[in-house]
N, C-alpha and C. Protein backbone atom coordinates (compact mmCIF):
# COMPACT_ATOMS: atom_id res chain seq x y z
N MET A 1 4.36 14.77 -10.82
CA MET A 1 5.10 13.51 -10.81
C MET A 1 4.18 12.41 -10.31
N ASN A 2 4.04 11.35 -11.11
CA ASN A 2 3.25 10.20 -10.72
C ASN A 2 4.18 9.02 -10.41
N VAL A 3 4.04 8.47 -9.21
CA VAL A 3 4.93 7.42 -8.73
C VAL A 3 4.11 6.21 -8.28
N ILE A 4 4.64 5.02 -8.52
CA ILE A 4 4.03 3.79 -8.03
C ILE A 4 4.97 3.14 -7.02
N PHE A 5 4.43 2.69 -5.89
CA PHE A 5 5.16 1.88 -4.93
C PHE A 5 4.76 0.42 -5.14
N LEU A 6 5.72 -0.44 -5.42
CA LEU A 6 5.51 -1.88 -5.49
C LEU A 6 6.17 -2.52 -4.28
N GLY A 7 5.67 -3.69 -3.91
CA GLY A 7 6.27 -4.44 -2.81
C GLY A 7 5.22 -5.28 -2.12
N PRO A 8 5.64 -6.34 -1.44
CA PRO A 8 4.70 -7.23 -0.77
C PRO A 8 4.01 -6.53 0.39
N PRO A 9 2.90 -7.09 0.88
CA PRO A 9 2.27 -6.52 2.08
C PRO A 9 3.27 -6.51 3.22
N GLY A 10 3.33 -5.37 3.94
CA GLY A 10 4.28 -5.27 5.04
C GLY A 10 5.62 -4.68 4.65
N ALA A 11 5.79 -4.32 3.37
CA ALA A 11 7.06 -3.72 2.93
C ALA A 11 7.20 -2.28 3.42
N GLY A 12 6.11 -1.68 3.86
CA GLY A 12 6.16 -0.31 4.38
C GLY A 12 5.69 0.74 3.40
N LYS A 13 4.96 0.35 2.37
CA LYS A 13 4.55 1.29 1.33
C LYS A 13 3.78 2.48 1.90
N GLY A 14 2.78 2.19 2.73
CA GLY A 14 1.96 3.27 3.26
C GLY A 14 2.73 4.18 4.21
N THR A 15 3.58 3.59 5.04
CA THR A 15 4.35 4.38 6.01
C THR A 15 5.36 5.28 5.30
N ILE A 16 6.02 4.75 4.28
CA ILE A 16 7.03 5.52 3.55
C ILE A 16 6.38 6.60 2.68
N ALA A 17 5.15 6.36 2.27
CA ALA A 17 4.46 7.31 1.39
C ALA A 17 4.31 8.69 2.03
N ARG A 18 4.09 8.74 3.34
CA ARG A 18 3.80 10.02 4.00
C ARG A 18 4.94 11.03 3.84
N PRO A 19 6.18 10.71 4.26
CA PRO A 19 7.26 11.70 4.09
C PRO A 19 7.59 11.99 2.63
N VAL A 20 7.43 11.00 1.75
CA VAL A 20 7.74 11.20 0.33
C VAL A 20 6.77 12.19 -0.30
N THR A 21 5.49 12.03 -0.01
CA THR A 21 4.50 12.95 -0.59
C THR A 21 4.62 14.35 0.01
N GLU A 22 4.97 14.43 1.28
CA GLU A 22 5.17 15.75 1.90
C GLU A 22 6.33 16.48 1.25
N ARG A 23 7.41 15.74 0.96
CA ARG A 23 8.59 16.37 0.36
C ARG A 23 8.29 16.86 -1.06
N HIS A 24 7.51 16.08 -1.83
CA HIS A 24 7.30 16.39 -3.23
C HIS A 24 5.97 17.07 -3.53
N GLY A 25 5.12 17.24 -2.50
CA GLY A 25 3.87 17.95 -2.70
C GLY A 25 2.87 17.23 -3.58
N ILE A 26 2.91 15.89 -3.56
CA ILE A 26 1.94 15.11 -4.32
C ILE A 26 1.03 14.35 -3.35
N THR A 27 -0.03 13.78 -3.88
CA THR A 27 -1.04 13.13 -3.04
C THR A 27 -0.87 11.62 -3.04
N ALA A 28 -0.81 11.04 -1.85
CA ALA A 28 -0.74 9.58 -1.73
C ALA A 28 -2.13 8.99 -1.88
N ILE A 29 -2.24 7.97 -2.72
CA ILE A 29 -3.50 7.27 -2.90
C ILE A 29 -3.27 5.80 -2.56
N SER A 30 -3.85 5.36 -1.46
CA SER A 30 -3.76 3.97 -1.06
C SER A 30 -5.07 3.29 -1.41
N THR A 31 -5.02 2.32 -2.29
CA THR A 31 -6.26 1.62 -2.63
C THR A 31 -6.78 0.85 -1.42
N GLY A 32 -5.87 0.44 -0.53
CA GLY A 32 -6.32 -0.20 0.71
C GLY A 32 -7.18 0.74 1.53
N ASP A 33 -6.74 2.00 1.66
CA ASP A 33 -7.53 2.99 2.39
C ASP A 33 -8.85 3.28 1.67
N LEU A 34 -8.78 3.38 0.33
CA LEU A 34 -10.01 3.62 -0.44
C LEU A 34 -11.02 2.51 -0.19
N LEU A 35 -10.54 1.27 -0.18
CA LEU A 35 -11.43 0.13 0.04
C LEU A 35 -11.99 0.14 1.45
N ARG A 36 -11.13 0.40 2.45
CA ARG A 36 -11.60 0.41 3.83
C ARG A 36 -12.61 1.53 4.06
N GLU A 37 -12.38 2.68 3.42
CA GLU A 37 -13.34 3.79 3.54
C GLU A 37 -14.68 3.41 2.92
N ALA A 38 -14.63 2.70 1.79
CA ALA A 38 -15.86 2.26 1.14
C ALA A 38 -16.60 1.24 2.00
N VAL A 39 -15.83 0.34 2.65
CA VAL A 39 -16.44 -0.64 3.55
C VAL A 39 -17.09 0.07 4.73
N LYS A 40 -16.37 1.03 5.31
CA LYS A 40 -16.90 1.77 6.48
C LYS A 40 -18.16 2.54 6.12
N ALA A 41 -18.18 3.09 4.90
CA ALA A 41 -19.34 3.87 4.45
C ALA A 41 -20.53 2.96 4.10
N GLY A 42 -20.25 1.67 3.93
CA GLY A 42 -21.32 0.75 3.60
C GLY A 42 -21.85 0.90 2.19
N SER A 43 -20.99 1.43 1.30
CA SER A 43 -21.41 1.61 -0.09
C SER A 43 -21.52 0.25 -0.78
N GLU A 44 -22.14 0.25 -1.94
CA GLU A 44 -22.31 -1.00 -2.68
C GLU A 44 -20.95 -1.62 -3.00
N LEU A 45 -20.00 -0.78 -3.47
CA LEU A 45 -18.66 -1.28 -3.76
C LEU A 45 -17.97 -1.78 -2.49
N GLY A 46 -18.19 -1.05 -1.40
CA GLY A 46 -17.58 -1.42 -0.14
C GLY A 46 -18.05 -2.77 0.38
N LEU A 47 -19.33 -3.02 0.28
CA LEU A 47 -19.88 -4.29 0.75
C LEU A 47 -19.35 -5.46 -0.08
N LYS A 48 -19.20 -5.24 -1.39
CA LYS A 48 -18.67 -6.28 -2.26
C LYS A 48 -17.20 -6.56 -1.91
N ALA A 49 -16.47 -5.50 -1.59
CA ALA A 49 -15.04 -5.65 -1.31
C ALA A 49 -14.78 -6.33 0.04
N LYS A 50 -15.69 -6.16 0.99
CA LYS A 50 -15.46 -6.60 2.36
C LYS A 50 -15.18 -8.11 2.44
N GLY A 51 -15.94 -8.90 1.70
CA GLY A 51 -15.74 -10.35 1.76
C GLY A 51 -14.36 -10.76 1.32
N TYR A 52 -13.84 -10.10 0.27
CA TYR A 52 -12.50 -10.42 -0.22
C TYR A 52 -11.44 -9.99 0.80
N MET A 53 -11.58 -8.78 1.35
CA MET A 53 -10.60 -8.24 2.28
C MET A 53 -10.51 -9.08 3.56
N ASP A 54 -11.66 -9.50 4.08
CA ASP A 54 -11.68 -10.28 5.32
C ASP A 54 -10.95 -11.61 5.15
N ALA A 55 -10.94 -12.14 3.94
CA ALA A 55 -10.28 -13.42 3.67
C ALA A 55 -8.83 -13.25 3.24
N GLY A 56 -8.37 -11.99 3.17
CA GLY A 56 -7.00 -11.74 2.73
C GLY A 56 -6.83 -11.87 1.23
N GLU A 57 -7.94 -11.86 0.49
CA GLU A 57 -7.87 -11.98 -0.96
C GLU A 57 -7.80 -10.59 -1.60
N LEU A 58 -7.30 -10.56 -2.86
CA LEU A 58 -7.32 -9.31 -3.60
C LEU A 58 -8.74 -9.01 -4.06
N VAL A 59 -9.11 -7.74 -3.97
CA VAL A 59 -10.41 -7.30 -4.48
C VAL A 59 -10.35 -7.27 -6.00
N PRO A 60 -11.41 -7.71 -6.70
CA PRO A 60 -11.40 -7.74 -8.16
C PRO A 60 -11.08 -6.40 -8.81
N ASP A 61 -10.44 -6.47 -9.97
CA ASP A 61 -9.96 -5.28 -10.66
C ASP A 61 -11.03 -4.23 -10.88
N ASP A 62 -12.22 -4.65 -11.30
CA ASP A 62 -13.22 -3.66 -11.67
C ASP A 62 -13.64 -2.81 -10.48
N LEU A 63 -13.68 -3.40 -9.28
CA LEU A 63 -14.02 -2.62 -8.09
C LEU A 63 -12.92 -1.61 -7.77
N VAL A 64 -11.67 -2.05 -7.81
CA VAL A 64 -10.55 -1.18 -7.48
C VAL A 64 -10.44 -0.02 -8.48
N ILE A 65 -10.55 -0.34 -9.76
CA ILE A 65 -10.40 0.68 -10.79
C ILE A 65 -11.49 1.74 -10.68
N GLU A 66 -12.71 1.32 -10.36
CA GLU A 66 -13.80 2.28 -10.23
C GLU A 66 -13.54 3.25 -9.07
N LEU A 67 -13.08 2.72 -7.93
CA LEU A 67 -12.75 3.58 -6.79
C LEU A 67 -11.59 4.50 -7.11
N LEU A 68 -10.59 3.98 -7.81
CA LEU A 68 -9.41 4.78 -8.13
C LEU A 68 -9.75 5.91 -9.10
N LYS A 69 -10.58 5.62 -10.06
CA LYS A 69 -11.00 6.67 -11.01
C LYS A 69 -11.66 7.83 -10.27
N GLN A 70 -12.52 7.51 -9.32
CA GLN A 70 -13.19 8.55 -8.54
C GLN A 70 -12.18 9.39 -7.77
N ARG A 71 -11.14 8.72 -7.23
CA ARG A 71 -10.15 9.43 -6.40
C ARG A 71 -9.24 10.32 -7.24
N ILE A 72 -8.73 9.80 -8.36
CA ILE A 72 -7.80 10.57 -9.19
C ILE A 72 -8.46 11.82 -9.77
N ALA A 73 -9.77 11.78 -9.93
CA ALA A 73 -10.50 12.92 -10.50
C ALA A 73 -10.61 14.09 -9.54
N GLN A 74 -10.24 13.89 -8.28
CA GLN A 74 -10.34 14.98 -7.31
C GLN A 74 -9.21 15.99 -7.49
N PRO A 75 -9.47 17.27 -7.17
CA PRO A 75 -8.52 18.36 -7.46
C PRO A 75 -7.14 18.19 -6.83
N ASP A 76 -7.05 17.53 -5.67
CA ASP A 76 -5.75 17.44 -4.99
C ASP A 76 -4.77 16.51 -5.71
N CYS A 77 -5.22 15.84 -6.77
CA CYS A 77 -4.32 14.97 -7.54
C CYS A 77 -3.82 15.64 -8.81
N ALA A 78 -4.16 16.90 -8.99
CA ALA A 78 -3.79 17.59 -10.22
C ALA A 78 -2.28 17.69 -10.40
N ALA A 79 -1.52 17.80 -9.29
CA ALA A 79 -0.07 17.98 -9.38
C ALA A 79 0.68 16.65 -9.39
N GLY A 80 -0.05 15.55 -9.28
CA GLY A 80 0.59 14.24 -9.27
C GLY A 80 0.13 13.41 -8.10
N CYS A 81 0.49 12.14 -8.13
CA CYS A 81 0.06 11.26 -7.05
C CYS A 81 1.06 10.11 -6.87
N LEU A 82 0.97 9.50 -5.72
CA LEU A 82 1.75 8.30 -5.41
C LEU A 82 0.76 7.18 -5.20
N LEU A 83 0.84 6.16 -6.04
CA LEU A 83 -0.09 5.04 -5.95
C LEU A 83 0.49 3.93 -5.07
N ASP A 84 -0.19 3.65 -3.99
CA ASP A 84 0.21 2.60 -3.05
C ASP A 84 -0.84 1.50 -3.11
N GLY A 85 -0.46 0.35 -3.63
CA GLY A 85 -1.39 -0.76 -3.72
C GLY A 85 -2.10 -0.87 -5.05
N PHE A 86 -1.71 -0.04 -6.00
CA PHE A 86 -2.26 -0.13 -7.35
C PHE A 86 -1.19 0.34 -8.33
N PRO A 87 -1.00 -0.38 -9.44
CA PRO A 87 -1.68 -1.61 -9.82
C PRO A 87 -1.16 -2.83 -9.06
N ARG A 88 -2.01 -3.84 -8.94
CA ARG A 88 -1.63 -5.10 -8.31
C ARG A 88 -1.43 -6.22 -9.33
N THR A 89 -1.94 -6.03 -10.52
CA THR A 89 -1.84 -7.05 -11.56
C THR A 89 -1.44 -6.40 -12.88
N ILE A 90 -0.94 -7.21 -13.81
CA ILE A 90 -0.58 -6.68 -15.12
C ILE A 90 -1.80 -6.10 -15.85
N PRO A 91 -2.97 -6.75 -15.81
CA PRO A 91 -4.14 -6.11 -16.43
C PRO A 91 -4.46 -4.72 -15.85
N GLN A 92 -4.26 -4.56 -14.55
CA GLN A 92 -4.46 -3.24 -13.95
C GLN A 92 -3.43 -2.24 -14.47
N ALA A 93 -2.17 -2.67 -14.60
CA ALA A 93 -1.13 -1.79 -15.12
C ALA A 93 -1.43 -1.39 -16.56
N GLU A 94 -1.92 -2.33 -17.34
CA GLU A 94 -2.27 -2.04 -18.72
C GLU A 94 -3.46 -1.08 -18.78
N ALA A 95 -4.41 -1.26 -17.85
CA ALA A 95 -5.56 -0.36 -17.79
C ALA A 95 -5.12 1.06 -17.42
N LEU A 96 -4.12 1.15 -16.54
CA LEU A 96 -3.58 2.46 -16.15
C LEU A 96 -2.96 3.15 -17.36
N GLU A 97 -2.20 2.40 -18.16
CA GLU A 97 -1.62 2.96 -19.38
C GLU A 97 -2.71 3.37 -20.36
N SER A 98 -3.73 2.54 -20.51
CA SER A 98 -4.82 2.84 -21.44
C SER A 98 -5.57 4.10 -21.02
N ALA A 99 -5.60 4.36 -19.71
CA ALA A 99 -6.27 5.55 -19.21
C ALA A 99 -5.44 6.81 -19.40
N GLY A 100 -4.21 6.66 -19.89
CA GLY A 100 -3.37 7.81 -20.17
C GLY A 100 -2.66 8.39 -18.97
N VAL A 101 -2.55 7.60 -17.89
CA VAL A 101 -1.86 8.07 -16.69
C VAL A 101 -0.36 7.80 -16.86
N ALA A 102 0.42 8.86 -17.01
CA ALA A 102 1.86 8.73 -17.22
C ALA A 102 2.55 8.46 -15.88
N ILE A 103 3.36 7.41 -15.83
CA ILE A 103 4.10 7.06 -14.61
C ILE A 103 5.56 7.47 -14.79
N ASP A 104 6.09 8.21 -13.81
CA ASP A 104 7.48 8.70 -13.89
C ASP A 104 8.49 7.76 -13.26
N LYS A 105 8.08 7.05 -12.21
CA LYS A 105 9.00 6.15 -11.52
C LYS A 105 8.21 5.08 -10.77
N VAL A 106 8.75 3.85 -10.76
CA VAL A 106 8.17 2.75 -10.00
C VAL A 106 9.20 2.29 -8.97
N VAL A 107 8.89 2.43 -7.70
CA VAL A 107 9.79 2.07 -6.61
C VAL A 107 9.41 0.68 -6.11
N ASN A 108 10.34 -0.28 -6.23
CA ASN A 108 10.11 -1.66 -5.80
C ASN A 108 10.76 -1.89 -4.45
N LEU A 109 9.96 -2.01 -3.41
CA LEU A 109 10.45 -2.21 -2.05
C LEU A 109 10.65 -3.70 -1.80
N GLN A 110 11.90 -4.10 -1.58
CA GLN A 110 12.25 -5.51 -1.44
C GLN A 110 12.48 -5.88 0.03
N VAL A 111 11.83 -6.97 0.49
CA VAL A 111 11.97 -7.41 1.87
C VAL A 111 11.62 -8.89 1.96
N ASP A 112 12.31 -9.63 2.84
CA ASP A 112 12.09 -11.06 3.01
C ASP A 112 10.76 -11.35 3.70
N ASP A 113 10.21 -12.54 3.44
CA ASP A 113 8.94 -12.94 4.02
C ASP A 113 8.97 -12.94 5.55
N GLN A 114 10.09 -13.37 6.13
CA GLN A 114 10.17 -13.45 7.60
C GLN A 114 10.01 -12.07 8.23
N VAL A 115 10.61 -11.07 7.59
CA VAL A 115 10.49 -9.69 8.07
C VAL A 115 9.05 -9.21 7.94
N ILE A 116 8.42 -9.55 6.82
CA ILE A 116 7.04 -9.14 6.57
C ILE A 116 6.10 -9.70 7.64
N ILE A 117 6.24 -11.00 7.90
CA ILE A 117 5.37 -11.64 8.90
C ILE A 117 5.55 -11.00 10.27
N HIS A 118 6.80 -10.71 10.63
CA HIS A 118 7.07 -10.05 11.91
C HIS A 118 6.43 -8.67 11.96
N ARG A 119 6.60 -7.90 10.89
CA ARG A 119 6.05 -6.54 10.87
C ARG A 119 4.52 -6.54 10.96
N LEU A 120 3.89 -7.34 10.10
CA LEU A 120 2.44 -7.32 10.03
C LEU A 120 1.78 -7.85 11.29
N SER A 121 2.42 -8.81 11.94
CA SER A 121 1.83 -9.37 13.16
C SER A 121 1.79 -8.33 14.28
N GLY A 122 2.62 -7.29 14.17
CA GLY A 122 2.63 -6.23 15.19
C GLY A 122 1.85 -4.99 14.80
N ARG A 123 1.27 -4.99 13.60
CA ARG A 123 0.58 -3.79 13.12
C ARG A 123 -0.80 -3.64 13.78
N ARG A 124 -1.11 -2.43 14.22
CA ARG A 124 -2.40 -2.14 14.85
C ARG A 124 -2.95 -0.82 14.27
N ILE A 125 -4.28 -0.72 14.29
CA ILE A 125 -4.97 0.46 13.79
C ILE A 125 -5.65 1.16 14.95
N HIS A 126 -5.47 2.50 15.04
CA HIS A 126 -6.14 3.25 16.10
C HIS A 126 -7.63 3.37 15.79
N ARG A 127 -8.46 3.02 16.76
CA ARG A 127 -9.91 2.94 16.53
C ARG A 127 -10.49 4.27 16.04
N GLN A 128 -10.05 5.37 16.61
CA GLN A 128 -10.66 6.66 16.32
C GLN A 128 -10.10 7.33 15.07
N THR A 129 -8.78 7.31 14.93
CA THR A 129 -8.14 8.07 13.85
C THR A 129 -7.82 7.24 12.61
N GLY A 130 -7.73 5.91 12.77
CA GLY A 130 -7.33 5.06 11.66
C GLY A 130 -5.84 5.05 11.42
N ARG A 131 -5.08 5.76 12.26
CA ARG A 131 -3.63 5.81 12.10
C ARG A 131 -3.02 4.44 12.39
N VAL A 132 -1.96 4.10 11.66
CA VAL A 132 -1.32 2.79 11.79
C VAL A 132 -0.11 2.88 12.72
N TYR A 133 -0.01 1.95 13.65
CA TYR A 133 1.14 1.84 14.54
C TYR A 133 1.66 0.40 14.50
N ASN A 134 2.84 0.19 15.11
CA ASN A 134 3.38 -1.16 15.22
C ASN A 134 3.82 -1.39 16.66
N VAL A 135 3.25 -2.42 17.29
CA VAL A 135 3.49 -2.65 18.71
C VAL A 135 4.72 -3.51 18.97
N ASN A 136 5.38 -4.03 17.93
CA ASN A 136 6.64 -4.75 18.14
C ASN A 136 7.69 -3.80 18.72
N PRO A 137 8.60 -4.31 19.56
CA PRO A 137 9.64 -3.44 20.13
C PRO A 137 10.46 -2.70 19.07
N ASP A 138 10.68 -3.34 17.92
CA ASP A 138 11.45 -2.70 16.85
C ASP A 138 10.53 -2.13 15.77
N GLY A 139 9.24 -2.08 16.04
CA GLY A 139 8.28 -1.61 15.04
C GLY A 139 8.27 -0.10 14.91
N ALA A 140 7.80 0.38 13.76
CA ALA A 140 7.67 1.81 13.52
C ALA A 140 6.48 2.04 12.60
N PRO A 141 5.73 3.13 12.91
CA PRO A 141 5.88 4.01 14.08
C PRO A 141 5.28 3.38 15.34
N GLN A 142 5.89 3.68 16.48
CA GLN A 142 5.40 3.19 17.75
C GLN A 142 4.16 4.00 18.18
N PRO A 143 3.21 3.35 18.86
CA PRO A 143 2.08 4.13 19.41
C PRO A 143 2.58 5.04 20.53
N PRO A 144 1.92 6.17 20.76
CA PRO A 144 2.33 7.06 21.86
C PRO A 144 2.31 6.32 23.19
N ALA A 145 3.21 6.72 24.07
CA ALA A 145 3.37 6.02 25.35
C ALA A 145 2.10 6.08 26.19
N ASP A 146 1.30 7.14 26.03
CA ASP A 146 0.09 7.28 26.85
C ASP A 146 -1.15 6.68 26.19
N MET A 147 -0.96 5.97 25.08
CA MET A 147 -2.10 5.38 24.38
C MET A 147 -2.43 4.01 24.97
N SER A 148 -3.68 3.79 25.29
CA SER A 148 -4.10 2.51 25.84
C SER A 148 -4.14 1.45 24.75
N PRO A 149 -3.70 0.22 25.07
CA PRO A 149 -3.78 -0.87 24.08
C PRO A 149 -5.21 -1.12 23.60
N ASP A 150 -6.19 -0.76 24.44
CA ASP A 150 -7.59 -0.95 24.06
C ASP A 150 -8.01 -0.06 22.90
N GLU A 151 -7.23 0.98 22.65
CA GLU A 151 -7.55 1.90 21.55
C GLU A 151 -7.08 1.36 20.20
N LEU A 152 -6.31 0.27 20.23
CA LEU A 152 -5.73 -0.29 19.01
C LEU A 152 -6.36 -1.63 18.66
N VAL A 153 -6.60 -1.84 17.37
CA VAL A 153 -7.18 -3.10 16.92
C VAL A 153 -6.31 -3.71 15.82
N GLN A 154 -6.35 -5.03 15.72
CA GLN A 154 -5.62 -5.75 14.68
C GLN A 154 -6.58 -6.09 13.55
N ARG A 155 -6.22 -5.71 12.33
CA ARG A 155 -7.04 -6.05 11.18
C ARG A 155 -7.05 -7.56 10.97
N ASP A 156 -8.18 -8.07 10.48
CA ASP A 156 -8.28 -9.51 10.22
C ASP A 156 -7.21 -9.99 9.26
N ASP A 157 -6.86 -9.14 8.27
CA ASP A 157 -5.87 -9.58 7.27
C ASP A 157 -4.44 -9.41 7.74
N ASP A 158 -4.24 -8.99 9.00
CA ASP A 158 -2.90 -8.96 9.59
C ASP A 158 -2.67 -10.13 10.55
N LYS A 159 -3.63 -11.04 10.62
CA LYS A 159 -3.46 -12.22 11.45
C LYS A 159 -2.68 -13.28 10.66
N PRO A 160 -1.95 -14.18 11.36
CA PRO A 160 -0.99 -15.07 10.69
C PRO A 160 -1.53 -15.84 9.49
N GLU A 161 -2.72 -16.40 9.61
CA GLU A 161 -3.23 -17.21 8.51
C GLU A 161 -3.53 -16.36 7.27
N ALA A 162 -4.00 -15.13 7.51
CA ALA A 162 -4.28 -14.24 6.39
C ALA A 162 -2.99 -13.69 5.77
N ILE A 163 -1.96 -13.45 6.60
CA ILE A 163 -0.68 -12.96 6.08
C ILE A 163 -0.09 -13.96 5.10
N ALA A 164 -0.10 -15.24 5.46
CA ALA A 164 0.45 -16.27 4.58
C ALA A 164 -0.29 -16.30 3.25
N ASN A 165 -1.59 -16.13 3.30
CA ASN A 165 -2.39 -16.12 2.08
C ASN A 165 -2.09 -14.88 1.24
N ARG A 166 -1.94 -13.73 1.90
CA ARG A 166 -1.66 -12.48 1.19
C ARG A 166 -0.31 -12.56 0.46
N LEU A 167 0.68 -13.17 1.11
CA LEU A 167 1.99 -13.31 0.48
C LEU A 167 1.92 -14.22 -0.75
N GLU A 168 1.16 -15.30 -0.65
CA GLU A 168 1.00 -16.21 -1.78
C GLU A 168 0.31 -15.51 -2.95
N VAL A 169 -0.72 -14.74 -2.64
CA VAL A 169 -1.44 -13.99 -3.68
C VAL A 169 -0.51 -12.96 -4.32
N TYR A 170 0.31 -12.31 -3.50
CA TYR A 170 1.26 -11.31 -4.04
C TYR A 170 2.23 -11.97 -5.01
N ARG A 171 2.82 -13.10 -4.62
CA ARG A 171 3.79 -13.76 -5.49
C ARG A 171 3.16 -14.14 -6.82
N ARG A 172 1.92 -14.59 -6.76
CA ARG A 172 1.26 -15.10 -7.97
C ARG A 172 0.77 -13.97 -8.88
N GLN A 173 0.19 -12.92 -8.28
CA GLN A 173 -0.51 -11.92 -9.09
C GLN A 173 0.23 -10.60 -9.26
N THR A 174 1.00 -10.19 -8.25
CA THR A 174 1.59 -8.84 -8.29
C THR A 174 3.06 -8.83 -8.66
N GLU A 175 3.81 -9.84 -8.25
CA GLU A 175 5.24 -9.86 -8.53
C GLU A 175 5.58 -9.73 -10.01
N PRO A 176 4.76 -10.26 -10.95
CA PRO A 176 5.07 -10.07 -12.37
C PRO A 176 5.17 -8.61 -12.81
N LEU A 177 4.62 -7.68 -12.02
CA LEU A 177 4.71 -6.26 -12.36
C LEU A 177 6.16 -5.76 -12.32
N ILE A 178 7.00 -6.43 -11.54
CA ILE A 178 8.40 -6.00 -11.46
C ILE A 178 9.04 -6.06 -12.84
N ALA A 179 8.87 -7.18 -13.53
CA ALA A 179 9.41 -7.31 -14.89
C ALA A 179 8.69 -6.38 -15.86
N PHE A 180 7.39 -6.21 -15.68
CA PHE A 180 6.59 -5.33 -16.54
C PHE A 180 7.15 -3.91 -16.57
N TYR A 181 7.44 -3.37 -15.39
CA TYR A 181 7.93 -1.99 -15.31
C TYR A 181 9.44 -1.90 -15.55
N ARG A 182 10.17 -2.97 -15.27
CA ARG A 182 11.60 -2.96 -15.57
C ARG A 182 11.82 -2.86 -17.08
N GLN A 183 10.97 -3.54 -17.84
CA GLN A 183 11.06 -3.48 -19.30
C GLN A 183 10.80 -2.08 -19.82
N ARG A 184 10.07 -1.29 -19.06
CA ARG A 184 9.75 0.09 -19.46
C ARG A 184 10.76 1.09 -18.90
N ASN A 185 11.81 0.60 -18.28
CA ASN A 185 12.87 1.44 -17.70
C ASN A 185 12.34 2.42 -16.65
N LEU A 186 11.35 1.98 -15.90
CA LEU A 186 10.76 2.83 -14.87
C LEU A 186 11.08 2.34 -13.46
N LEU A 187 11.58 1.12 -13.34
CA LEU A 187 11.69 0.47 -12.04
C LEU A 187 13.04 0.73 -11.37
N VAL A 188 12.99 0.95 -10.05
CA VAL A 188 14.20 1.01 -9.24
C VAL A 188 13.97 0.19 -7.98
N ASP A 189 14.95 -0.65 -7.61
CA ASP A 189 14.83 -1.51 -6.43
C ASP A 189 15.36 -0.79 -5.19
N ILE A 190 14.63 -0.94 -4.08
CA ILE A 190 15.01 -0.35 -2.80
C ILE A 190 15.00 -1.44 -1.73
N ASP A 191 16.05 -1.51 -0.92
CA ASP A 191 16.12 -2.46 0.19
C ASP A 191 15.22 -1.96 1.32
N ALA A 192 14.08 -2.65 1.51
CA ALA A 192 13.11 -2.21 2.52
C ALA A 192 13.25 -2.95 3.83
N SER A 193 14.39 -3.62 4.03
CA SER A 193 14.63 -4.28 5.32
C SER A 193 15.37 -3.37 6.29
N LYS A 194 15.74 -2.18 5.82
CA LYS A 194 16.47 -1.22 6.66
C LYS A 194 15.51 -0.52 7.63
N SER A 195 16.05 0.42 8.40
CA SER A 195 15.21 1.23 9.28
C SER A 195 14.34 2.14 8.42
N LEU A 196 13.24 2.61 9.02
CA LEU A 196 12.31 3.46 8.29
C LEU A 196 13.00 4.71 7.73
N ASP A 197 13.81 5.38 8.54
CA ASP A 197 14.49 6.60 8.09
C ASP A 197 15.41 6.31 6.91
N ALA A 198 16.11 5.19 6.96
CA ALA A 198 17.05 4.83 5.88
C ALA A 198 16.29 4.54 4.59
N ILE A 199 15.16 3.84 4.69
CA ILE A 199 14.37 3.54 3.49
C ILE A 199 13.85 4.82 2.86
N VAL A 200 13.31 5.71 3.69
CA VAL A 200 12.79 6.99 3.18
C VAL A 200 13.88 7.76 2.48
N GLU A 201 15.06 7.82 3.06
CA GLU A 201 16.18 8.55 2.46
C GLU A 201 16.55 7.96 1.10
N ASP A 202 16.58 6.64 1.00
CA ASP A 202 16.89 5.98 -0.26
C ASP A 202 15.84 6.30 -1.34
N VAL A 203 14.58 6.29 -0.95
CA VAL A 203 13.50 6.59 -1.90
C VAL A 203 13.58 8.03 -2.37
N LEU A 204 13.82 8.94 -1.43
CA LEU A 204 13.92 10.37 -1.80
C LEU A 204 15.07 10.62 -2.74
N LYS A 205 16.18 9.92 -2.56
CA LYS A 205 17.32 10.07 -3.47
C LYS A 205 16.94 9.64 -4.88
N VAL A 206 16.20 8.55 -4.99
CA VAL A 206 15.78 8.04 -6.30
C VAL A 206 14.87 9.03 -7.01
N LEU A 207 13.93 9.61 -6.26
CA LEU A 207 12.95 10.52 -6.87
C LEU A 207 13.54 11.89 -7.16
């Protein structure tokens, strides 16, 4: 089963992906993680991507597609995958179809901008593990009680000025995918303003 998660930054795509893939035995592929790993490794693609990511801009299609092709070719994707953060544009979606990747369902996570800004402003990354936490009182998942705040860092693209830019880019470039996949009878809308457990339950029911 191949599934796509659509939704603005901060909708919870990566967090919801974990229990969904565990339940269905498929592999989650986050292009954001692929890009960050490439940046950390200092690869040629990673260095090119870094400038766009630091500014909160979308990385060009050719870089993302090249990384994704490498990832999908790995054996753990043979039974299916969940794409988080790809496609971001209609040309990317068309390229996915041209590559012969059959999509079974597209989950559209819907959430207001105010909720997104609140969520992302509280998001932190653990320095050692790369695991994502949310330090807001109502955030999820919460960091462990014994974890020092010094162990957590805020990504540059989770700062207020970058969040506003990311939302604008999403509206302009990615939101048209909703109509693209609705026309193909693949899209289902999910209210992503609920609690994490409620959102996961709704997604699992759909799949």
